[in-house]
Amino acid sequence: MSYDMENCIDDFMRDFGGADAKAGFIKKTVKRLKMLRKRHRIADRMEELKALALQANERRMRYNIDISSLI
């Protein structure tokens, strides 16, 4: 799960890099629309990861898995 979270953050950082200062109005608008789609996709992925983390926590609480009980 932590690898999935790290990959999601890496995708976010890669996709939202620097902007082209010399781009025209049309190119900027198209780029903004593409970014909106990417942001939506990443937000959906983050919601999925959050749900997985909550499920894992519920399982941990249900089965009483603690470090002290394993030692």
Protein backbone atom coordinates (compact mmCIF):
# COMPACT_ATOMS: atom_id res chain seq x y z
CA MET A 1 0.00 0.00 0.00
CA SER A 2 2.84 2.41 0.77
CA TYR A 3 4.35 1.77 -2.66
CA ASP A 4 1.02 2.62 -4.28
CA MET A 5 0.88 5.87 -2.30
CA GLU A 6 4.43 6.74 -3.27
CA ASN A 7 3.68 6.03 -6.93
CA CYS A 8 0.61 8.24 -6.77
CA ILE A 9 2.69 11.12 -5.36
CA ASP A 10 5.39 10.56 -7.98
CA ASP A 11 2.77 10.67 -10.75
CA PHE A 12 1.39 13.90 -9.32
CA MET A 13 4.84 15.52 -9.19
CA ARG A 14 5.72 14.36 -12.71
CA ASP A 15 2.44 15.48 -14.28
CA PHE A 16 2.38 18.91 -12.68
CA GLY A 17 5.85 20.11 -13.54
CA GLY A 18 6.74 23.52 -14.91
CA ALA A 19 4.62 25.43 -17.39
CA ASP A 20 5.60 26.83 -20.78
CA ALA A 21 5.77 30.63 -20.47
CA LYS A 22 5.66 31.26 -24.24
CA ALA A 23 2.60 29.16 -24.99
CA GLY A 24 -0.37 30.90 -26.60
CA PHE A 25 -3.90 31.16 -25.27
CA ILE A 26 -5.16 28.03 -27.07
CA LYS A 27 -2.21 25.91 -25.94
CA LYS A 28 -2.59 27.10 -22.36
CA THR A 29 -6.31 26.35 -22.40
CA VAL A 30 -5.77 22.86 -23.81
CA LYS A 31 -3.06 22.20 -21.25
CA ARG A 32 -5.35 23.35 -18.43
CA LEU A 33 -8.09 20.99 -19.62
CA LYS A 34 -5.63 18.09 -19.74
CA MET A 35 -4.39 18.99 -16.27
CA LEU A 36 -7.95 19.04 -14.97
CA ARG A 37 -8.46 15.50 -16.23
CA LYS A 38 -5.16 14.38 -14.67
CA ARG A 39 -6.03 16.00 -11.35
CA HIS A 40 -9.38 14.25 -11.35
CA ARG A 41 -7.72 10.90 -12.05
CA ILE A 42 -5.16 11.43 -9.28
CA ALA A 43 -7.88 12.53 -6.83
CA ASP A 44 -9.81 9.34 -7.60
CA ARG A 45 -6.67 7.27 -7.01
CA MET A 46 -6.06 9.03 -3.70
CA GLU A 47 -9.62 8.24 -2.62
CA GLU A 48 -9.04 4.56 -3.49
CA LEU A 49 -5.81 4.54 -1.49
CA LYS A 50 -7.54 6.20 1.46
CA ALA A 51 -10.24 3.53 1.40
CA LEU A 52 -7.57 0.79 1.34
CA ALA A 53 -5.78 2.37 4.30
CA LEU A 54 -9.03 2.57 6.28
CA GLN A 55 -9.82 -1.07 5.50
CA ALA A 56 -6.35 -2.14 6.63
CA ASN A 57 -6.79 -0.18 9.86
CA GLU A 58 -10.18 -1.80 10.48
CA ARG A 59 -8.64 -5.26 10.00
CA ARG A 60 -5.82 -4.37 12.39
CA MET A 61 -8.33 -3.21 15.00
CA ARG A 62 -10.57 -6.27 14.48
CA TYR A 63 -7.74 -8.78 14.83
CA ASN A 64 -5.90 -6.85 17.59
CA ILE A 65 -2.59 -6.96 15.81
CA ASP A 66 -0.06 -4.97 17.80
CA ILE A 67 3.72 -5.09 17.93
CA SER A 68 3.66 -5.98 21.64
CA SER A 69 1.46 -9.04 21.05
CA LEU A 70 3.85 -10.39 18.39
CA ILE A 71 6.94 -10.29 20.62
